[in-house]
C-alpha cells in the first residue's frame, strides 16, 4: 500500500436530513472514492450526524479567489431590483 501522504485529499459533505443541502464538515486522505466514503462515515458520522455523505476529490473543486471578488460579485450590487427588499408590498399581503 502506498504512503498515506501520497493519497489524494477528499472533501466531505454531510446532509443532516433527507432533502437538506449537504454541508462541508472536513477533509481526509484516501486512496479512492470508496475508501474516502467509508472513512468519512467512520470519522464524521459516529454519532448519527447525518443521513447522506458526499465525498469529492479536492482537485475537482474550483473556487473564486479574493482577487475575483469584484469581477464576480460587483455587477449584482447594481441590480437592487433582484432583491425582495426593493419591492413594497400592499397592506393586504403584509404577512408574506
C-alpha atoms as a PDB file:
ATOM      1  CA  UNK A   1       0.000   0.000   0.000  1.00  0.00           C
ATOM      2  CA  UNK A   2       1.301   3.486  -0.820  1.00  0.00           C
ATOM      3  CA  UNK A   3       2.307   6.082   1.709  1.00  0.00           C
ATOM      4  CA  UNK A   4      -0.701   7.933   3.216  1.00  0.00           C
ATOM      5  CA  UNK A   5       0.833  11.295   2.225  1.00  0.00           C
ATOM      6  CA  UNK A   6       0.520  10.303  -1.438  1.00  0.00           C
ATOM      7  CA  UNK A   7      -3.221   9.651  -1.211  1.00  0.00           C
ATOM      8  CA  UNK A   8      -5.459  12.344  -2.672  1.00  0.00           C
ATOM      9  CA  UNK A   9      -7.317  14.803  -0.460  1.00  0.00           C
ATOM     10  CA  UNK A  10     -11.102  14.413  -0.298  1.00  0.00           C
ATOM     11  CA  UNK A  11     -13.630  16.974   0.933  1.00  0.00           C
ATOM     12  CA  UNK A  12     -16.518  15.583   2.965  1.00  0.00           C
ATOM     13  CA  UNK A  13     -20.092  16.909   2.948  1.00  0.00           C
ATOM     14  CA  UNK A  14     -22.941  15.622   5.117  1.00  0.00           C
ATOM     15  CA  UNK A  15     -26.687  16.236   4.833  1.00  0.00           C
ATOM     16  CA  UNK A  16     -28.203  16.024   8.299  1.00  0.00           C
ATOM     17  CA  UNK A  17     -31.646  15.008   6.985  1.00  0.00           C
ATOM     18  CA  UNK A  18     -33.053  13.879   3.673  1.00  0.00           C
ATOM     19  CA  UNK A  19     -33.816  16.824   1.432  1.00  0.00           C
ATOM     20  CA  UNK A  20     -31.437  19.235   3.189  1.00  0.00           C
ATOM     21  CA  UNK A  21     -28.349  20.594   1.500  1.00  0.00           C
ATOM     22  CA  UNK A  22     -25.085  18.883   2.450  1.00  0.00           C
ATOM     23  CA  UNK A  23     -22.639  20.969   4.492  1.00  0.00           C
ATOM     24  CA  UNK A  24     -18.869  20.759   4.388  1.00  0.00           C
ATOM     25  CA  UNK A  25     -17.652  19.015   7.544  1.00  0.00           C
ATOM     26  CA  UNK A  26     -13.990  18.356   6.832  1.00  0.00           C
ATOM     27  CA  UNK A  27     -11.316  16.706   4.738  1.00  0.00           C
ATOM     28  CA  UNK A  28      -9.455  13.423   4.676  1.00  0.00           C
ATOM     29  CA  UNK A  29      -6.920  11.493   2.628  1.00  0.00           C
ATOM     30  CA  UNK A  30      -7.949   8.227   0.984  1.00  0.00           C
ATOM     31  CA  UNK A  31      -6.718   6.001  -1.821  1.00  0.00           C
ATOM     32  CA  UNK A  32     -10.033   6.034  -3.731  1.00  0.00           C
ATOM     33  CA  UNK A  33     -13.648   7.182  -3.566  1.00  0.00           C
ATOM     34  CA  UNK A  34     -14.927   4.089  -1.765  1.00  0.00           C
ATOM     35  CA  UNK A  35     -12.256   4.368   0.917  1.00  0.00           C
ATOM     36  CA  UNK A  36     -12.995   8.102   1.255  1.00  0.00           C
ATOM     37  CA  UNK A  37     -16.701   7.389   1.709  1.00  0.00           C
ATOM     38  CA  UNK A  38     -16.094   4.696   4.329  1.00  0.00           C
ATOM     39  CA  UNK A  39     -13.537   6.803   6.195  1.00  0.00           C
ATOM     40  CA  UNK A  40     -15.878   9.805   6.112  1.00  0.00           C
ATOM     41  CA  UNK A  41     -18.621   7.669   7.624  1.00  0.00           C
ATOM     42  CA  UNK A  42     -16.286   6.491  10.387  1.00  0.00           C
ATOM     43  CA  UNK A  43     -14.823   9.924  11.141  1.00  0.00           C
ATOM     44  CA  UNK A  44     -17.686  12.358  10.557  1.00  0.00           C
ATOM     45  CA  UNK A  45     -20.866  10.428  11.383  1.00  0.00           C
ATOM     46  CA  UNK A  46     -20.015   8.455  14.503  1.00  0.00           C
ATOM     47  CA  UNK A  47     -22.932   9.983  16.385  1.00  0.00           C
ATOM     48  CA  UNK A  48     -25.520   9.745  13.605  1.00  0.00           C
ATOM     49  CA  UNK A  49     -24.939  13.354  12.475  1.00  0.00           C
ATOM     50  CA  UNK A  50     -26.312  12.769   9.013  1.00  0.00           C
ATOM     51  CA  UNK A  51     -28.238  10.649   6.575  1.00  0.00           C
ATOM     52  CA  UNK A  52     -26.208  11.298   3.436  1.00  0.00           C
ATOM     53  CA  UNK A  53     -22.461  11.612   2.890  1.00  0.00           C
ATOM     54  CA  UNK A  54     -20.777  13.085  -0.162  1.00  0.00           C
ATOM     55  CA  UNK A  55     -17.062  12.916  -0.869  1.00  0.00           C
ATOM     56  CA  UNK A  56     -15.383  14.940  -3.615  1.00  0.00           C
ATOM     57  CA  UNK A  57     -11.743  14.753  -4.544  1.00  0.00           C
ATOM     58  CA  UNK A  58     -10.390  18.202  -3.683  1.00  0.00           C
ATOM     59  CA  UNK A  59      -8.689  18.646  -7.053  1.00  0.00           C
ATOM     60  CA  UNK A  60     -12.144  18.766  -8.685  1.00  0.00           C
ATOM     61  CA  UNK A  61     -13.359  21.731  -6.615  1.00  0.00           C
ATOM     62  CA  UNK A  62     -12.910  25.155  -8.147  1.00  0.00           C
ATOM     63  CA  UNK A  63     -13.496  28.285  -6.068  1.00  0.00           C
ATOM     64  CA  UNK A  64     -13.266  32.005  -6.621  1.00  0.00           C
ATOM     65  CA  UNK A  65     -10.337  33.851  -5.091  1.00  0.00           C
ATOM     66  CA  UNK A  66     -10.135  37.152  -3.223  1.00  0.00           C
ATOM     67  CA  UNK A  67      -8.854  38.740  -6.418  1.00  0.00           C
ATOM     68  CA  UNK A  68     -12.032  37.587  -8.202  1.00  0.00           C
ATOM     69  CA  UNK A  69     -14.425  39.233  -5.744  1.00  0.00           C
ATOM     70  CA  UNK A  70     -15.015  42.468  -7.661  1.00  0.00           C
ATOM     71  CA  UNK A  71     -15.331  40.807 -11.049  1.00  0.00           C
ATOM     72  CA  UNK A  72     -17.672  38.100  -9.750  1.00  0.00           C
ATOM     73  CA  UNK A  73     -19.924  39.990  -7.356  1.00  0.00           C
ATOM     74  CA  UNK A  74     -19.798  43.720  -8.102  1.00  0.00           C
ATOM     75  CA  UNK A  75     -22.253  43.666 -11.069  1.00  0.00           C
ATOM     76  CA  UNK A  76     -25.002  42.229  -8.831  1.00  0.00           C
ATOM     77  CA  UNK A  77     -24.785  45.186  -6.426  1.00  0.00           C
ATOM     78  CA  UNK A  78     -26.194  47.476  -9.124  1.00  0.00           C
ATOM     79  CA  UNK A  79     -29.312  45.345  -9.574  1.00  0.00           C
ATOM     80  CA  UNK A  80     -31.277  46.058  -6.415  1.00  0.00           C
ATOM     81  CA  UNK A  81     -34.493  45.033  -8.151  1.00  0.00           C
ATOM     82  CA  UNK A  82     -33.340  41.424  -7.783  1.00  0.00           C
ATOM     83  CA  UNK A  83     -33.633  41.649  -4.005  1.00  0.00           C
ATOM     84  CA  UNK A  84     -37.057  41.241  -2.429  1.00  0.00           C
ATOM     85  CA  UNK A  85     -36.454  44.250  -0.146  1.00  0.00           C
ATOM     86  CA  UNK A  86     -36.764  46.503  -3.213  1.00  0.00           C
ATOM     87  CA  UNK A  87     -40.491  45.829  -3.603  1.00  0.00           C
ATOM     88  CA  UNK A  88     -43.185  47.480  -1.479  1.00  0.00           C
ATOM     89  CA  UNK A  89     -45.958  45.098  -0.511  1.00  0.00           C
ATOM     90  CA  UNK A  90     -49.566  46.208  -0.232  1.00  0.00           C
ATOM     91  CA  UNK A  91     -51.073  46.109   3.253  1.00  0.00           C
ATOM     92  CA  UNK A  92     -53.241  43.149   2.217  1.00  0.00           C
ATOM     93  CA  UNK A  93     -50.155  40.945   1.903  1.00  0.00           C
ATOM     94  CA  UNK A  94     -48.267  42.115   4.995  1.00  0.00           C
ATOM     95  CA  UNK A  95     -47.931  38.526   6.298  1.00  0.00           C
ATOM     96  CA  UNK A  96     -45.672  37.459   3.451  1.00  0.00           C
END
